[in-house]
Amino acid sequence: MLNLESVCLLKCPQCGSEKHFKDGMRKLANGAETQRYLCRKCGFRYIAPCYDSLNNISNDLADSQISARRAKNLSATQRHKFCVGEIKKVDADTKGLLTQFYAYLEKEAFSAESDYVDKVKHLAVLGANLRDPEHVKTIIGQMKRQDGTPLKNGTKMLYSYAYDSMVKMLKLSWEIPHYHQEDFDPFVPDETELDALINAAKSKLLATYLQALKETFADPGEALRIKWLDVDSNRQTISIRYPVKH
């Protein structure tokens, strides 16, 4: 049998540490088994991201995990550059204006999670002249869903706030439309329904994630950012270090 540790240098995908323990075998989707490892530094469990030709072990799972992790670590700057570069329905001037808008938001210390660039980009795709506030106001007022139903006032309000930041960047003047967000009673599932959902999860990882949401009331985005270093088993606490709304 070919030793995976001699073929590739094992590093923890979470912290990069090369120190690990062997943590049993993991059965892959194709029925084969591969060695699982436990990081000594952060406690993250992983499998070797390489291919064992003698055992014909597929590394598709490892590759998908690494690709997903790299996508999560993609900086906000890169994400917005890709979005701006992929616009097909607007001219070069609008593309440059959107790139300038992102730089402005970054300089003004807007949150990295802000979707203002995406919202303004959507207005441009709909045909709005971003240098004409009155035309943009008309486009926002006429926005509809894909099924033809009018867009909610709360959503139009978010688009108005996004474009208002661009108006300040361009030093234009406009009267922001006053949309009021609709009030509605959110659906609150019964605890037995939550437990049934957790028990029906096909993986322990998903079940743990859902259980954490139920017990901590954390935002889904906050729970996704939890690391092993944030979990204190002695005090039975989890530290939320990356709140989505600060």
C-alpha atoms as a PDB file:
ATOM      1  CA  MET A   1       0.000   0.000   0.000  1.00  0.00           C
ATOM      2  CA  LEU A   2       1.287   3.462  -0.904  1.00  0.00           C
ATOM      3  CA  ASN A   3       1.721   5.717   2.124  1.00  0.00           C
ATOM      4  CA  LEU A   4      -0.132   8.966   1.559  1.00  0.00           C
ATOM      5  CA  GLU A   5       2.146  10.795   3.992  1.00  0.00           C
ATOM      6  CA  SER A   6       5.153   9.937   1.777  1.00  0.00           C
ATOM      7  CA  VAL A   7       3.400  11.112  -1.396  1.00  0.00           C
ATOM      8  CA  CYS A   8       2.217  14.547  -0.290  1.00  0.00           C
ATOM      9  CA  LEU A   9       3.092  16.866   2.571  1.00  0.00           C
ATOM     10  CA  LEU A  10       0.049  16.872   4.827  1.00  0.00           C
ATOM     11  CA  LYS A  11      -1.092  20.288   5.998  1.00  0.00           C
ATOM     12  CA  CYS A  12      -4.256  21.237   7.838  1.00  0.00           C
ATOM     13  CA  PRO A  13      -6.569  23.094   5.409  1.00  0.00           C
ATOM     14  CA  GLN A  14      -7.824  25.198   8.330  1.00  0.00           C
ATOM     15  CA  CYS A  15      -4.594  26.494   9.937  1.00  0.00           C
ATOM     16  CA  GLY A  16      -1.767  25.098   7.777  1.00  0.00           C
ATOM     17  CA  SER A  17      -0.173  23.081  10.577  1.00  0.00           C
ATOM     18  CA  GLU A  18       1.792  19.955   9.579  1.00  0.00           C
ATOM     19  CA  LYS A  19       1.254  18.286  12.966  1.00  0.00           C
ATOM     20  CA  HIS A  20      -1.591  15.803  13.061  1.00  0.00           C
ATOM     21  CA  PHE A  21      -2.926  12.538  14.447  1.00  0.00           C
ATOM     22  CA  LYS A  22      -4.418   9.711  12.443  1.00  0.00           C
ATOM     23  CA  ASP A  23      -8.154   9.690  13.130  1.00  0.00           C
ATOM     24  CA  GLY A  24      -9.518   6.487  11.672  1.00  0.00           C
ATOM     25  CA  MET A  25     -10.682   5.764   8.146  1.00  0.00           C
ATOM     26  CA  ARG A  26     -13.248   7.606   6.055  1.00  0.00           C
ATOM     27  CA  LYS A  27     -15.457   5.884   3.502  1.00  0.00           C
ATOM     28  CA  LEU A  28     -15.811   7.779   0.237  1.00  0.00           C
ATOM     29  CA  ALA A  29     -18.776   7.870  -2.098  1.00  0.00           C
ATOM     30  CA  ASN A  30     -17.186   5.292  -4.418  1.00  0.00           C
ATOM     31  CA  GLY A  31     -16.914   2.776  -1.552  1.00  0.00           C
ATOM     32  CA  ALA A  32     -13.172   3.167  -1.052  1.00  0.00           C
ATOM     33  CA  GLU A  33     -11.613   4.169   2.270  1.00  0.00           C
ATOM     34  CA  THR A  34      -8.983   6.790   2.958  1.00  0.00           C
ATOM     35  CA  GLN A  35      -7.075   7.866   6.043  1.00  0.00           C
ATOM     36  CA  ARG A  36      -8.557  10.695   8.083  1.00  0.00           C
ATOM     37  CA  TYR A  37      -6.372  13.077  10.096  1.00  0.00           C
ATOM     38  CA  LEU A  38      -6.912  15.320  13.143  1.00  0.00           C
ATOM     39  CA  CYS A  39      -4.956  18.567  13.378  1.00  0.00           C
ATOM     40  CA  ARG A  40      -3.074  18.876  16.677  1.00  0.00           C
ATOM     41  CA  LYS A  41      -3.217  22.660  16.588  1.00  0.00           C
ATOM     42  CA  CYS A  42      -6.840  23.524  15.796  1.00  0.00           C
ATOM     43  CA  GLY A  43      -8.628  20.159  15.988  1.00  0.00           C
ATOM     44  CA  PHE A  44      -9.855  20.257  12.384  1.00  0.00           C
ATOM     45  CA  ARG A  45     -10.505  16.855  10.765  1.00  0.00           C
ATOM     46  CA  TYR A  46      -9.497  16.355   7.146  1.00  0.00           C
ATOM     47  CA  ILE A  47      -8.347  13.784   4.585  1.00  0.00           C
ATOM     48  CA  ALA A  48      -5.222  13.883   2.443  1.00  0.00           C
ATOM     49  CA  PRO A  49      -5.822  16.057  -0.659  1.00  0.00           C
ATOM     50  CA  CYS A  50      -3.898  13.751  -2.975  1.00  0.00           C
ATOM     51  CA  TYR A  51      -4.486  10.605  -5.018  1.00  0.00           C
ATOM     52  CA  ASP A  52      -3.445   7.117  -3.923  1.00  0.00           C
ATOM     53  CA  SER A  53      -3.054   5.254  -7.227  1.00  0.00           C
ATOM     54  CA  LEU A  54      -2.586   1.827  -5.658  1.00  0.00           C
ATOM     55  CA  ASN A  55      -5.924   1.991  -3.863  1.00  0.00           C
ATOM     56  CA  ASN A  56      -7.660   4.069  -6.582  1.00  0.00           C
ATOM     57  CA  ILE A  57      -9.011   6.501  -4.027  1.00  0.00           C
ATOM     58  CA  SER A  58     -10.832   9.413  -5.537  1.00  0.00           C
ATOM     59  CA  ASN A  59      -9.917  12.829  -4.195  1.00  0.00           C
ATOM     60  CA  ASP A  60     -13.012  14.568  -5.587  1.00  0.00           C
ATOM     61  CA  LEU A  61     -14.324  15.143  -2.073  1.00  0.00           C
ATOM     62  CA  ALA A  62     -11.059  16.659  -0.888  1.00  0.00           C
ATOM     63  CA  ASP A  63     -10.824  18.845  -3.988  1.00  0.00           C
ATOM     64  CA  SER A  64     -14.373  20.111  -3.527  1.00  0.00           C
ATOM     65  CA  GLN A  65     -13.680  20.927   0.120  1.00  0.00           C
ATOM     66  CA  ILE A  66     -10.523  22.830  -0.784  1.00  0.00           C
ATOM     67  CA  SER A  67     -12.254  24.691  -3.626  1.00  0.00           C
ATOM     68  CA  ALA A  68     -15.133  25.703  -1.351  1.00  0.00           C
ATOM     69  CA  ARG A  69     -12.693  26.865   1.308  1.00  0.00           C
ATOM     70  CA  ARG A  70     -10.744  28.940  -1.198  1.00  0.00           C
ATOM     71  CA  ALA A  71     -13.976  30.507  -2.424  1.00  0.00           C
ATOM     72  CA  LYS A  72     -14.919  31.479   1.141  1.00  0.00           C
ATOM     73  CA  ASN A  73     -11.497  33.050   1.641  1.00  0.00           C
ATOM     74  CA  LEU A  74     -11.852  35.117  -1.552  1.00  0.00           C
ATOM     75  CA  SER A  75     -11.550  38.739  -0.589  1.00  0.00           C
ATOM     76  CA  ALA A  76     -14.463  41.091  -1.043  1.00  0.00           C
ATOM     77  CA  THR A  77     -12.356  43.126  -3.466  1.00  0.00           C
ATOM     78  CA  GLN A  78     -11.846  40.144  -5.735  1.00  0.00           C
ATOM     79  CA  ARG A  79     -15.525  39.197  -5.592  1.00  0.00           C
ATOM     80  CA  HIS A  80     -16.635  42.639  -6.701  1.00  0.00           C
ATOM     81  CA  LYS A  81     -13.981  42.844  -9.405  1.00  0.00           C
ATOM     82  CA  PHE A  82     -15.306  39.630 -10.881  1.00  0.00           C
ATOM     83  CA  CYS A  83     -18.887  40.919 -10.736  1.00  0.00           C
ATOM     84  CA  VAL A  84     -18.001  44.210 -12.400  1.00  0.00           C
ATOM     85  CA  GLY A  85     -15.930  42.472 -15.076  1.00  0.00           C
ATOM     86  CA  GLU A  86     -18.727  40.091 -15.971  1.00  0.00           C
ATOM     87  CA  ILE A  87     -21.235  42.768 -16.942  1.00  0.00           C
ATOM     88  CA  LYS A  88     -22.281  42.250 -20.557  1.00  0.00           C
ATOM     89  CA  LYS A  89     -25.209  44.645 -20.911  1.00  0.00           C
ATOM     90  CA  VAL A  90     -23.557  47.938 -19.951  1.00  0.00           C
ATOM     91  CA  ASP A  91     -20.954  50.116 -21.630  1.00  0.00           C
ATOM     92  CA  ALA A  92     -17.338  50.616 -20.636  1.00  0.00           C
ATOM     93  CA  ASP A  93     -18.099  53.913 -18.888  1.00  0.00           C
ATOM     94  CA  THR A  94     -20.591  52.220 -16.555  1.00  0.00           C
ATOM     95  CA  LYS A  95     -18.146  49.404 -15.812  1.00  0.00           C
ATOM     96  CA  GLY A  96     -15.515  51.946 -14.835  1.00  0.00           C
ATOM     97  CA  LEU A  97     -18.052  53.837 -12.756  1.00  0.00           C
ATOM     98  CA  LEU A  98     -18.931  50.681 -10.812  1.00  0.00           C
ATOM     99  CA  THR A  99     -15.269  49.937 -10.164  1.00  0.00           C
ATOM    100  CA  GLN A 100     -14.852  53.518  -8.924  1.00  0.00           C
ATOM    101  CA  PHE A 101     -17.924  53.055  -6.730  1.00  0.00           C
ATOM    102  CA  TYR A 102     -16.447  49.998  -5.043  1.00  0.00           C
ATOM    103  CA  ALA A 103     -13.222  51.897  -4.336  1.00  0.00           C
ATOM    104  CA  TYR A 104     -15.306  54.719  -2.833  1.00  0.00           C
ATOM    105  CA  LEU A 105     -17.165  52.325  -0.504  1.00  0.00           C
ATOM    106  CA  GLU A 106     -13.883  50.795   0.584  1.00  0.00           C
ATOM    107  CA  LYS A 107     -12.402  54.243   1.300  1.00  0.00           C
ATOM    108  CA  GLU A 108     -15.489  55.257   3.295  1.00  0.00           C
ATOM    109  CA  ALA A 109     -15.124  52.091   5.435  1.00  0.00           C
ATOM    110  CA  PHE A 110     -18.348  50.422   4.352  1.00  0.00           C
ATOM    111  CA  SER A 111     -18.742  46.832   5.470  1.00  0.00           C
ATOM    112  CA  ALA A 112     -17.006  44.221   3.303  1.00  0.00           C
ATOM    113  CA  GLU A 113     -20.327  42.371   3.285  1.00  0.00           C
ATOM    114  CA  SER A 114     -22.142  45.322   1.691  1.00  0.00           C
ATOM    115  CA  ASP A 115     -23.987  44.494  -1.529  1.00  0.00           C
ATOM    116  CA  TYR A 116     -24.333  48.108  -2.666  1.00  0.00           C
ATOM    117  CA  VAL A 117     -22.159  47.472  -5.751  1.00  0.00           C
ATOM    118  CA  ASP A 118     -24.311  44.504  -6.772  1.00  0.00           C
ATOM    119  CA  LYS A 119     -27.515  46.490  -6.361  1.00  0.00           C
ATOM    120  CA  VAL A 120     -26.257  49.448  -8.383  1.00  0.00           C
ATOM    121  CA  LYS A 121     -24.937  47.018 -10.993  1.00  0.00           C
ATOM    122  CA  HIS A 122     -28.417  45.503 -11.243  1.00  0.00           C
ATOM    123  CA  LEU A 123     -29.869  48.960 -11.864  1.00  0.00           C
ATOM    124  CA  ALA A 124     -27.352  49.459 -14.673  1.00  0.00           C
ATOM    125  CA  VAL A 125     -28.289  46.124 -16.229  1.00  0.00           C
ATOM    126  CA  LEU A 126     -31.941  47.221 -16.149  1.00  0.00           C
ATOM    127  CA  GLY A 127     -30.961  50.212 -18.266  1.00  0.00           C
ATOM    128  CA  ALA A 128     -30.650  52.932 -15.629  1.00  0.00           C
ATOM    129  CA  ASN A 129     -28.408  55.898 -16.402  1.00  0.00           C
ATOM    130  CA  LEU A 130     -26.353  56.011 -13.231  1.00  0.00           C
ATOM    131  CA  ARG A 131     -25.411  59.655 -13.819  1.00  0.00           C
ATOM    132  CA  ASP A 132     -29.079  60.695 -13.944  1.00  0.00           C
ATOM    133  CA  PRO A 133     -30.706  60.331 -10.479  1.00  0.00           C
ATOM    134  CA  GLU A 134     -34.216  60.989 -11.765  1.00  0.00           C
ATOM    135  CA  HIS A 135     -33.909  58.214 -14.334  1.00  0.00           C
ATOM    136  CA  VAL A 136     -32.615  55.832 -11.679  1.00  0.00           C
ATOM    137  CA  LYS A 137     -35.538  56.779  -9.447  1.00  0.00           C
ATOM    138  CA  THR A 138     -37.923  55.850 -12.269  1.00  0.00           C
ATOM    139  CA  ILE A 139     -36.203  52.494 -12.802  1.00  0.00           C
ATOM    140  CA  ILE A 140     -36.419  51.687  -9.084  1.00  0.00           C
ATOM    141  CA  GLY A 141     -40.100  52.539  -9.021  1.00  0.00           C
ATOM    142  CA  GLN A 142     -40.819  50.235 -11.981  1.00  0.00           C
ATOM    143  CA  MET A 143     -38.796  47.258 -10.761  1.00  0.00           C
ATOM    144  CA  LYS A 144     -40.626  43.915 -10.837  1.00  0.00           C
ATOM    145  CA  ARG A 145     -39.933  40.310 -10.021  1.00  0.00           C
ATOM    146  CA  GLN A 146     -39.262  37.699 -12.686  1.00  0.00           C
ATOM    147  CA  ASP A 147     -42.905  36.611 -12.516  1.00  0.00           C
ATOM    148  CA  GLY A 148     -44.062  40.165 -13.257  1.00  0.00           C
ATOM    149  CA  THR A 149     -45.281  41.051  -9.753  1.00  0.00           C
ATOM    150  CA  PRO A 150     -44.166  44.395  -8.281  1.00  0.00           C
ATOM    151  CA  LEU A 151     -41.087  44.416  -6.097  1.00  0.00           C
ATOM    152  CA  LYS A 152     -41.629  44.937  -2.375  1.00  0.00           C
ATOM    153  CA  ASN A 153     -41.157  48.448  -1.047  1.00  0.00           C
ATOM    154  CA  GLY A 154     -38.588  47.181   1.430  1.00  0.00           C
ATOM    155  CA  THR A 155     -36.420  45.907  -1.431  1.00  0.00           C
ATOM    156  CA  LYS A 156     -36.827  49.154  -3.364  1.00  0.00           C
ATOM    157  CA  MET A 157     -35.730  51.006  -0.235  1.00  0.00           C
ATOM    158  CA  LEU A 158     -32.463  49.005  -0.174  1.00  0.00           C
ATOM    159  CA  TYR A 159     -31.812  49.853  -3.832  1.00  0.00           C
ATOM    160  CA  SER A 160     -32.433  53.515  -3.038  1.00  0.00           C
ATOM    161  CA  TYR A 161     -29.920  53.452  -0.188  1.00  0.00           C
ATOM    162  CA  ALA A 162     -27.339  51.774  -2.421  1.00  0.00           C
ATOM    163  CA  TYR A 163     -27.702  54.358  -5.180  1.00  0.00           C
ATOM    164  CA  ASP A 164     -27.742  57.189  -2.618  1.00  0.00           C
ATOM    165  CA  SER A 165     -24.124  56.295  -1.813  1.00  0.00           C
ATOM    166  CA  MET A 166     -23.228  56.614  -5.505  1.00  0.00           C
ATOM    167  CA  VAL A 167     -24.980  59.985  -5.639  1.00  0.00           C
ATOM    168  CA  LYS A 168     -22.736  61.173  -2.810  1.00  0.00           C
ATOM    169  CA  MET A 169     -19.676  59.850  -4.633  1.00  0.00           C
ATOM    170  CA  LEU A 170     -20.638  61.699  -7.837  1.00  0.00           C
ATOM    171  CA  LYS A 171     -21.598  64.794  -5.805  1.00  0.00           C
ATOM    172  CA  LEU A 172     -25.007  64.953  -7.419  1.00  0.00           C
ATOM    173  CA  SER A 173     -28.258  66.074  -5.865  1.00  0.00           C
ATOM    174  CA  TRP A 174     -31.464  64.092  -5.638  1.00  0.00           C
ATOM    175  CA  GLU A 175     -34.357  63.495  -3.307  1.00  0.00           C
ATOM    176  CA  ILE A 176     -34.215  59.900  -2.173  1.00  0.00           C
ATOM    177  CA  PRO A 177     -37.600  58.142  -2.577  1.00  0.00           C
ATOM    178  CA  HIS A 178     -39.272  57.309   0.715  1.00  0.00           C
ATOM    179  CA  TYR A 179     -40.196  53.640   0.578  1.00  0.00           C
ATOM    180  CA  HIS A 180     -41.476  52.057   3.790  1.00  0.00           C
ATOM    181  CA  GLN A 181     -40.659  48.450   4.546  1.00  0.00           C
ATOM    182  CA  GLU A 182     -43.656  46.189   4.899  1.00  0.00           C
ATOM    183  CA  ASP A 183     -44.356  44.642   8.285  1.00  0.00           C
ATOM    184  CA  PHE A 184     -45.102  40.932   8.439  1.00  0.00           C
ATOM    185  CA  ASP A 185     -45.102  38.185  11.029  1.00  0.00           C
ATOM    186  CA  PRO A 186     -42.218  35.795  10.393  1.00  0.00           C
ATOM    187  CA  PHE A 187     -42.791  32.054  10.505  1.00  0.00           C
ATOM    188  CA  VAL A 188     -41.511  30.630  13.788  1.00  0.00           C
ATOM    189  CA  PRO A 189     -41.240  26.819  13.645  1.00  0.00           C
ATOM    190  CA  ASP A 190     -42.067  24.673  16.635  1.00  0.00           C
ATOM    191  CA  GLU A 191     -39.120  23.156  18.520  1.00  0.00           C
ATOM    192  CA  THR A 192     -40.257  19.666  17.551  1.00  0.00           C
ATOM    193  CA  GLU A 193     -40.029  20.709  13.890  1.00  0.00           C
ATOM    194  CA  LEU A 194     -36.484  21.978  14.437  1.00  0.00           C
ATOM    195  CA  ASP A 195     -35.490  18.711  16.110  1.00  0.00           C
ATOM    196  CA  ALA A 196     -37.015  16.741  13.237  1.00  0.00           C
ATOM    197  CA  LEU A 197     -35.019  18.792  10.737  1.00  0.00           C
ATOM    198  CA  ILE A 198     -31.777  18.233  12.657  1.00  0.00           C
ATOM    199  CA  ASN A 199     -32.413  14.491  12.974  1.00  0.00           C
ATOM    200  CA  ALA A 200     -33.118  14.254   9.240  1.00  0.00           C
ATOM    201  CA  ALA A 201     -29.734  15.755   8.304  1.00  0.00           C
ATOM    202  CA  LYS A 202     -27.704  13.334   6.200  1.00  0.00           C
ATOM    203  CA  SER A 203     -24.323  14.372   7.651  1.00  0.00           C
ATOM    204  CA  LYS A 204     -23.082  14.999  11.171  1.00  0.00           C
ATOM    205  CA  LEU A 205     -21.539  18.263   9.994  1.00  0.00           C
ATOM    206  CA  LEU A 206     -24.880  19.638   8.826  1.00  0.00           C
ATOM    207  CA  ALA A 207     -26.642  18.357  11.950  1.00  0.00           C
ATOM    208  CA  THR A 208     -24.056  20.092  14.159  1.00  0.00           C
ATOM    209  CA  TYR A 209     -24.460  23.317  12.198  1.00  0.00           C
ATOM    210  CA  LEU A 210     -28.254  23.247  12.562  1.00  0.00           C
ATOM    211  CA  GLN A 211     -27.987  22.403  16.267  1.00  0.00           C
ATOM    212  CA  ALA A 212     -25.646  25.376  16.760  1.00  0.00           C
ATOM    213  CA  LEU A 213     -28.177  27.677  15.079  1.00  0.00           C
ATOM    214  CA  LYS A 214     -30.932  26.396  17.342  1.00  0.00           C
ATOM    215  CA  GLU A 215     -28.974  26.668  20.596  1.00  0.00           C
ATOM    216  CA  THR A 216     -27.152  29.969  19.991  1.00  0.00           C
ATOM    217  CA  PHE A 217     -29.665  31.930  17.850  1.00  0.00           C
ATOM    218  CA  ALA A 218     -26.652  32.943  15.755  1.00  0.00           C
ATOM    219  CA  ASP A 219     -27.009  34.254  12.231  1.00  0.00           C
ATOM    220  CA  PRO A 220     -26.299  31.538   9.616  1.00  0.00           C
ATOM    221  CA  GLY A 221     -23.370  33.587   8.311  1.00  0.00           C
ATOM    222  CA  GLU A 222     -21.947  33.916  11.810  1.00  0.00           C
ATOM    223  CA  ALA A 223     -22.238  30.194  12.465  1.00  0.00           C
ATOM    224  CA  LEU A 224     -20.408  29.381   9.213  1.00  0.00           C
ATOM    225  CA  ARG A 225     -17.392  31.377  10.430  1.00  0.00           C
ATOM    226  CA  ILE A 226     -17.057  29.537  13.752  1.00  0.00           C
ATOM    227  CA  LYS A 227     -13.677  27.822  14.160  1.00  0.00           C
ATOM    228  CA  TRP A 228     -12.536  25.194  16.619  1.00  0.00           C
ATOM    229  CA  LEU A 229     -10.614  27.883  18.524  1.00  0.00           C
ATOM    230  CA  ASP A 230     -13.938  29.652  19.184  1.00  0.00           C
ATOM    231  CA  VAL A 231     -15.414  26.640  21.003  1.00  0.00           C
ATOM    232  CA  ASP A 232     -14.752  26.389  24.751  1.00  0.00           C
ATOM    233  CA  SER A 233     -15.896  22.930  25.828  1.00  0.00           C
ATOM    234  CA  ASN A 234     -15.080  23.585  29.494  1.00  0.00           C
ATOM    235  CA  ARG A 235     -17.334  26.627  29.764  1.00  0.00           C
ATOM    236  CA  GLN A 236     -19.714  25.310  27.107  1.00  0.00           C
ATOM    237  CA  THR A 237     -19.545  28.548  25.141  1.00  0.00           C
ATOM    238  CA  ILE A 238     -19.041  29.515  21.498  1.00  0.00           C
ATOM    239  CA  SER A 239     -17.502  32.880  20.641  1.00  0.00           C
ATOM    240  CA  ILE A 240     -19.074  34.758  17.729  1.00  0.00           C
ATOM    241  CA  ARG A 241     -16.056  36.644  16.388  1.00  0.00           C
ATOM    242  CA  TYR A 242     -17.434  37.642  12.993  1.00  0.00           C
ATOM    243  CA  PRO A 243     -20.895  39.219  13.453  1.00  0.00           C
ATOM    244  CA  VAL A 244     -22.512  39.837  10.086  1.00  0.00           C
ATOM    245  CA  LYS A 245     -23.858  43.269  11.105  1.00  0.00           C
ATOM    246  CA  HIS A 246     -21.069  44.258  13.506  1.00  0.00           C
END
